[in-house]
C-alpha atoms as a PDB file:
ATOM      1  CA  MET A   1       8.334   4.232  12.436  1.00  0.00           C
ATOM      2  CA  LYS A   2       7.860   6.311   9.331  1.00  0.00           C
ATOM      3  CA  LEU A   3       6.394   4.992   6.120  1.00  0.00           C
ATOM      4  CA  GLY A   4       7.007   6.795   2.856  1.00  0.00           C
ATOM      5  CA  ASP A   5       4.412   8.997   1.176  1.00  0.00           C
ATOM      6  CA  GLY A   6       4.036   6.291  -1.446  1.00  0.00           C
ATOM      7  CA  VAL A   7       2.204   4.063   1.042  1.00  0.00           C
ATOM      8  CA  GLU A   8      -0.529   6.660   1.584  1.00  0.00           C
ATOM      9  CA  GLN A   9      -0.782   7.295  -2.154  1.00  0.00           C
ATOM     10  CA  ALA A  10      -0.971   3.577  -2.897  1.00  0.00           C
ATOM     11  CA  ILE A  11      -3.677   2.904  -0.301  1.00  0.00           C
ATOM     12  CA  HIS A  12      -5.834   5.807  -1.480  1.00  0.00           C
ATOM     13  CA  SER A  13      -5.337   4.747  -5.108  1.00  0.00           C
ATOM     14  CA  MET A  14      -6.347   1.188  -4.278  1.00  0.00           C
ATOM     15  CA  THR A  15      -9.530   2.366  -2.557  1.00  0.00           C
ATOM     16  CA  MET A  16     -10.403   4.447  -5.612  1.00  0.00           C
ATOM     17  CA  LEU A  17      -9.726   1.520  -7.958  1.00  0.00           C
ATOM     18  CA  ALA A  18     -12.034  -0.579  -5.771  1.00  0.00           C
ATOM     19  CA  SER A  19     -14.858   1.820  -6.739  1.00  0.00           C
ATOM     20  CA  LEU A  20     -14.575   1.137 -10.469  1.00  0.00           C
ATOM     21  CA  GLU A  21     -17.206  -0.787 -12.373  1.00  0.00           C
ATOM     22  CA  PRO A  22     -16.110  -4.354 -13.221  1.00  0.00           C
ATOM     23  CA  GLY A  23     -13.682  -4.360 -16.150  1.00  0.00           C
ATOM     24  CA  SER A  24     -13.124  -0.590 -16.070  1.00  0.00           C
ATOM     25  CA  THR A  25      -9.779   1.110 -15.514  1.00  0.00           C
ATOM     26  CA  LEU A  26      -8.386   4.413 -14.346  1.00  0.00           C
ATOM     27  CA  SER A  27      -5.211   5.980 -15.679  1.00  0.00           C
ATOM     28  CA  ALA A  28      -2.249   6.777 -13.459  1.00  0.00           C
ATOM     29  CA  ALA A  29      -2.602  10.405 -14.523  1.00  0.00           C
ATOM     30  CA  ALA A  30      -6.221  10.491 -13.315  1.00  0.00           C
ATOM     31  CA  LEU A  31      -5.291   8.897  -9.976  1.00  0.00           C
ATOM     32  CA  ALA A  32      -2.488  11.422  -9.537  1.00  0.00           C
ATOM     33  CA  GLU A  33      -4.778  14.318 -10.456  1.00  0.00           C
ATOM     34  CA  PHE A  34      -7.489  13.246  -8.002  1.00  0.00           C
ATOM     35  CA  HIS A  35      -5.020  12.960  -5.144  1.00  0.00           C
ATOM     36  CA  GLY A  36      -2.955  16.006  -6.113  1.00  0.00           C
ATOM     37  CA  VAL A  37       0.316  14.065  -6.281  1.00  0.00           C
ATOM     38  CA  SER A  38       3.171  13.702  -8.731  1.00  0.00           C
ATOM     39  CA  PRO A  39       2.179  11.388 -11.617  1.00  0.00           C
ATOM     40  CA  SER A  40       5.720  10.014 -11.967  1.00  0.00           C
ATOM     41  CA  TYR A  41       6.016   9.279  -8.233  1.00  0.00           C
ATOM     42  CA  LEU A  42       2.594   7.602  -8.132  1.00  0.00           C
ATOM     43  CA  LEU A  43       3.413   5.608 -11.269  1.00  0.00           C
ATOM     44  CA  LYS A  44       6.433   4.125  -9.510  1.00  0.00           C
ATOM     45  CA  HIS A  45       4.160   2.847  -6.732  1.00  0.00           C
ATOM     46  CA  LEU A  46       1.521   1.601  -9.139  1.00  0.00           C
ATOM     47  CA  GLN A  47       4.253  -0.432 -10.834  1.00  0.00           C
ATOM     48  CA  SER A  48       5.163  -1.923  -7.438  1.00  0.00           C
ATOM     49  CA  LEU A  49       1.506  -2.791  -6.837  1.00  0.00           C
ATOM     50  CA  SER A  50       1.378  -4.403 -10.269  1.00  0.00           C
ATOM     51  CA  ALA A  51       4.544  -6.419  -9.615  1.00  0.00           C
ATOM     52  CA  ALA A  52       2.978  -7.642  -6.369  1.00  0.00           C
ATOM     53  CA  GLY A  53      -0.120  -8.828  -8.241  1.00  0.00           C
ATOM     54  CA  LEU A  54      -2.431  -6.308  -6.571  1.00  0.00           C
ATOM     55  CA  VAL A  55      -3.372  -4.316  -9.675  1.00  0.00           C
ATOM     56  CA  ASP A  56      -3.708  -5.226 -13.319  1.00  0.00           C
ATOM     57  CA  THR A  57      -2.266  -2.921 -15.944  1.00  0.00           C
ATOM     58  CA  LEU A  58      -4.061  -2.701 -19.262  1.00  0.00           C
ATOM     59  CA  PRO A  59      -2.426  -1.010 -22.273  1.00  0.00           C
ATOM     60  CA  GLY A  60      -4.143   1.090 -24.910  1.00  0.00           C
ATOM     61  CA  PRO A  61      -6.593   3.992 -25.056  1.00  0.00           C
ATOM     62  CA  LYS A  62      -9.027   2.291 -22.643  1.00  0.00           C
ATOM     63  CA  GLY A  63      -6.117   1.039 -20.557  1.00  0.00           C
ATOM     64  CA  GLY A  64      -5.046   1.934 -17.101  1.00  0.00           C
ATOM     65  CA  TYR A  65      -5.190   0.265 -13.721  1.00  0.00           C
ATOM     66  CA  ARG A  66      -7.745  -1.870 -11.913  1.00  0.00           C
ATOM     67  CA  LEU A  67      -7.639  -4.185  -8.936  1.00  0.00           C
ATOM     68  CA  ALA A  68      -6.274  -7.653  -9.676  1.00  0.00           C
ATOM     69  CA  LYS A  69      -8.211  -9.166  -6.750  1.00  0.00           C
ATOM     70  CA  ALA A  70     -11.418  -8.504  -4.885  1.00  0.00           C
ATOM     71  CA  PRO A  71     -11.122  -5.646  -2.362  1.00  0.00           C
ATOM     72  CA  SER A  72     -11.719  -8.147   0.449  1.00  0.00           C
ATOM     73  CA  GLU A  73      -8.597 -10.074  -0.654  1.00  0.00           C
ATOM     74  CA  ILE A  74      -6.205  -7.098  -0.521  1.00  0.00           C
ATOM     75  CA  SER A  75      -4.916  -6.179   2.915  1.00  0.00           C
ATOM     76  CA  MET A  76      -3.210  -3.036   4.082  1.00  0.00           C
ATOM     77  CA  LEU A  77      -0.145  -5.213   4.718  1.00  0.00           C
ATOM     78  CA  ASP A  78      -0.149  -6.356   1.078  1.00  0.00           C
ATOM     79  CA  ILE A  79       0.002  -2.725  -0.030  1.00  0.00           C
ATOM     80  CA  VAL A  80       2.665  -1.684   2.501  1.00  0.00           C
ATOM     81  CA  LEU A  81       4.883  -4.626   1.551  1.00  0.00           C
ATOM     82  CA  ALA A  82       4.431  -3.928  -2.170  1.00  0.00           C
ATOM     83  CA  VAL A  83       5.515  -0.298  -1.752  1.00  0.00           C
ATOM     84  CA  GLU A  84       8.051  -0.494   1.081  1.00  0.00           C
ATOM     85  CA  GLY A  85       9.377  -4.021   0.532  1.00  0.00           C
ATOM     86  CA  PRO A  86       9.362  -6.998   2.886  1.00  0.00           C
ATOM     87  CA  GLN A  87      12.257  -5.963   5.109  1.00  0.00           C
ATOM     88  CA  PRO A  88      11.363  -5.185   8.717  1.00  0.00           C
ATOM     89  CA  ALA A  89      11.345  -1.517   9.701  1.00  0.00           C
ATOM     90  CA  PHE A  90      14.084  -2.154  12.287  1.00  0.00           C
ATOM     91  CA  ARG A  91      17.282  -3.703  10.990  1.00  0.00           C
ATOM     92  CA  CYS A  92      19.749  -4.755  13.655  1.00  0.00           C
ATOM     93  CA  ASN A  93      23.328  -4.091  12.582  1.00  0.00           C
ATOM     94  CA  GLU A  94      24.850  -5.640  15.718  1.00  0.00           C
ATOM     95  CA  ILE A  95      26.554  -2.429  16.784  1.00  0.00           C
ATOM     96  CA  ARG A  96      27.050  -3.982  20.215  1.00  0.00           C
ATOM     97  CA  GLN A  97      29.935  -5.927  18.637  1.00  0.00           C
ATOM     98  CA  ARG A  98      31.737  -2.778  17.529  1.00  0.00           C
ATOM     99  CA  GLY A  99      33.790  -0.182  19.336  1.00  0.00           C
ATOM    100  CA  PRO A 100      36.812  -0.535  21.582  1.00  0.00           C
ATOM    101  CA  ASP A 101      37.504  -3.771  23.432  1.00  0.00           C
ATOM    102  CA  PRO A 102      34.922  -5.962  21.671  1.00  0.00           C
ATOM    103  CA  LEU A 103      33.726  -9.023  23.570  1.00  0.00           C
ATOM    104  CA  PRO A 104      34.117 -12.582  22.262  1.00  0.00           C
ATOM    105  CA  ALA A 105      31.427 -13.997  19.963  1.00  0.00           C
ATOM    106  CA  ARG A 106      30.001 -16.174  22.766  1.00  0.00           C
ATOM    107  CA  TYR A 107      28.321 -13.046  24.193  1.00  0.00           C
ATOM    108  CA  PHE A 108      26.349 -12.599  21.007  1.00  0.00           C
ATOM    109  CA  GLN A 109      24.794 -16.024  20.451  1.00  0.00           C
ATOM    110  CA  LYS A 110      21.242 -14.677  20.894  1.00  0.00           C
ATOM    111  CA  PRO A 111      19.799 -11.540  19.338  1.00  0.00           C
ATOM    112  CA  CYS A 112      20.068  -8.561  21.670  1.00  0.00           C
ATOM    113  CA  GLY A 113      17.016  -7.553  23.682  1.00  0.00           C
ATOM    114  CA  ILE A 114      16.538  -4.431  21.567  1.00  0.00           C
ATOM    115  CA  ALA A 115      16.294  -6.418  18.347  1.00  0.00           C
ATOM    116  CA  ALA A 116      13.936  -8.928  19.976  1.00  0.00           C
ATOM    117  CA  VAL A 117      11.548  -6.194  21.182  1.00  0.00           C
ATOM    118  CA  MET A 118      11.618  -4.372  17.855  1.00  0.00           C
ATOM    119  CA  LEU A 119      10.913  -7.542  15.864  1.00  0.00           C
ATOM    120  CA  SER A 120       8.092  -8.456  18.258  1.00  0.00           C
ATOM    121  CA  ALA A 121       6.531  -5.023  17.679  1.00  0.00           C
ATOM    122  CA  GLU A 122       6.939  -5.524  13.920  1.00  0.00           C
ATOM    123  CA  ARG A 123       4.977  -8.788  14.113  1.00  0.00           C
ATOM    124  CA  VAL A 124       2.112  -7.049  15.954  1.00  0.00           C
ATOM    125  CA  TYR A 125       2.132  -4.140  13.500  1.00  0.00           C
ATOM    126  CA  ARG A 126       2.049  -6.445  10.485  1.00  0.00           C
ATOM    127  CA  ALA A 127      -0.667  -8.634  11.991  1.00  0.00           C
ATOM    128  CA  GLU A 128      -2.851  -5.564  12.515  1.00  0.00           C
ATOM    129  CA  LEU A 129      -2.333  -4.396   8.921  1.00  0.00           C
ATOM    130  CA  ALA A 130      -3.084  -7.902   7.647  1.00  0.00           C
ATOM    131  CA  LYS A 131      -6.499  -7.786   9.379  1.00  0.00           C
ATOM    132  CA  THR A 132      -7.720  -4.754   7.423  1.00  0.00           C
ATOM    133  CA  SER A 133      -8.707  -5.061   3.766  1.00  0.00           C
ATOM    134  CA  ILE A 134      -9.598  -2.515   1.118  1.00  0.00           C
ATOM    135  CA  ALA A 135     -13.212  -3.683   1.533  1.00  0.00           C
ATOM    136  CA  ASP A 136     -12.979  -2.848   5.258  1.00  0.00           C
ATOM    137  CA  LEU A 137     -11.779   0.661   4.388  1.00  0.00           C
ATOM    138  CA  GLN A 138     -14.690   1.069   1.973  1.00  0.00           C
ATOM    139  CA  ARG A 139     -17.204  -0.028   4.626  1.00  0.00           C
ATOM    140  CA  ASP A 140     -15.658   2.351   7.156  1.00  0.00           C
ATOM    141  CA  LEU A 141     -15.900   5.243   4.699  1.00  0.00           C
ATOM    142  CA  GLN A 142     -19.539   4.468   3.920  1.00  0.00           C
ATOM    143  CA  ALA A 143     -20.367   4.349   7.625  1.00  0.00           C
ATOM    144  CA  ASN A 144     -18.658   7.665   8.398  1.00  0.00           C
ATOM    145  CA  ASP A 145     -19.200   9.749   5.235  1.00  0.00           C
ATOM    146  CA  ASP A 146     -22.042  12.251   5.145  1.00  0.00           C
ATOM    147  CA  GLY A 147     -22.023  11.869   1.356  1.00  0.00           C
ATOM    148  CA  GLY A 148     -19.473  14.539   0.471  1.00  0.00           C
ATOM    149  CA  ILE A 149     -16.518  12.216   0.004  1.00  0.00           C
ATOM    150  CA  ALA A 150     -18.520   9.728  -2.047  1.00  0.00           C
ATOM    151  CA  ALA A 151     -19.984  12.492  -4.221  1.00  0.00           C
ATOM    152  CA  ARG A 152     -16.527  13.911  -4.961  1.00  0.00           C
ATOM    153  CA  GLY A 153     -15.202  10.480  -5.961  1.00  0.00           C
ATOM    154  CA  CYS A 154     -18.256   9.616  -8.067  1.00  0.00           C
ATOM    155  CA  ALA A 155     -18.118  12.933  -9.918  1.00  0.00           C
ATOM    156  CA  PHE A 156     -14.447  12.411 -10.685  1.00  0.00           C
ATOM    157  CA  LEU A 157     -14.989   8.827 -11.855  1.00  0.00           C
ATOM    158  CA  ASP A 158     -17.858   9.943 -14.104  1.00  0.00           C
ATOM    159  CA  HIS A 159     -15.277  11.911 -16.113  1.00  0.00           C
ATOM    160  CA  HIS A 160     -12.191   9.709 -15.849  1.00  0.00           C
ATOM    161  CA  GLU A 161     -13.238   6.058 -15.530  1.00  0.00           C
ATOM    162  CA  ARG A 162     -12.387   4.112 -18.647  1.00  0.00           C
ATOM    163  CA  LYS A 163     -15.364   1.818 -18.946  1.00  0.00           C
ATOM    164  CA  ALA A 164     -14.990  -1.687 -20.277  1.00  0.00           C
ATOM    165  CA  SER A 165     -16.309  -2.289 -23.793  1.00  0.00           C
ATOM    166  CA  ARG A 166     -19.584  -4.100 -23.817  1.00  0.00           C
END
């Protein structure tokens, strides 16, 4: 299974947005700059995250993006589905019913074994993604970072975070 680059960009963007002070935002351009990705490509995925209710979009000079929910309420599955869509990775097209000398429909009452195995694997994959939240990713980073990753992110946010008016 191959997920698009947008999934990685979206997950990293969401973890960065989770680091903002309450009420603050970060522009799409700043997120793209920090991750070294195309602003227009990232913007497309941020719009998908917004449509899914995972980020809030605020207009204006202090506008930008921020999480719409607590990091503990946003799962990896939520992000993958927002970016990739809800369709399963494997889509059975019933090719067993094509070709020369097709069999009668009675042979195809049940899904084929291949489709059944693939959909079973999809359920396991999705269940695993649903178990991990943005807050879990943050805790994992804190436990495994020697301080370099956090320092880089904090330094960047010091210059680019659009703080809420007080």
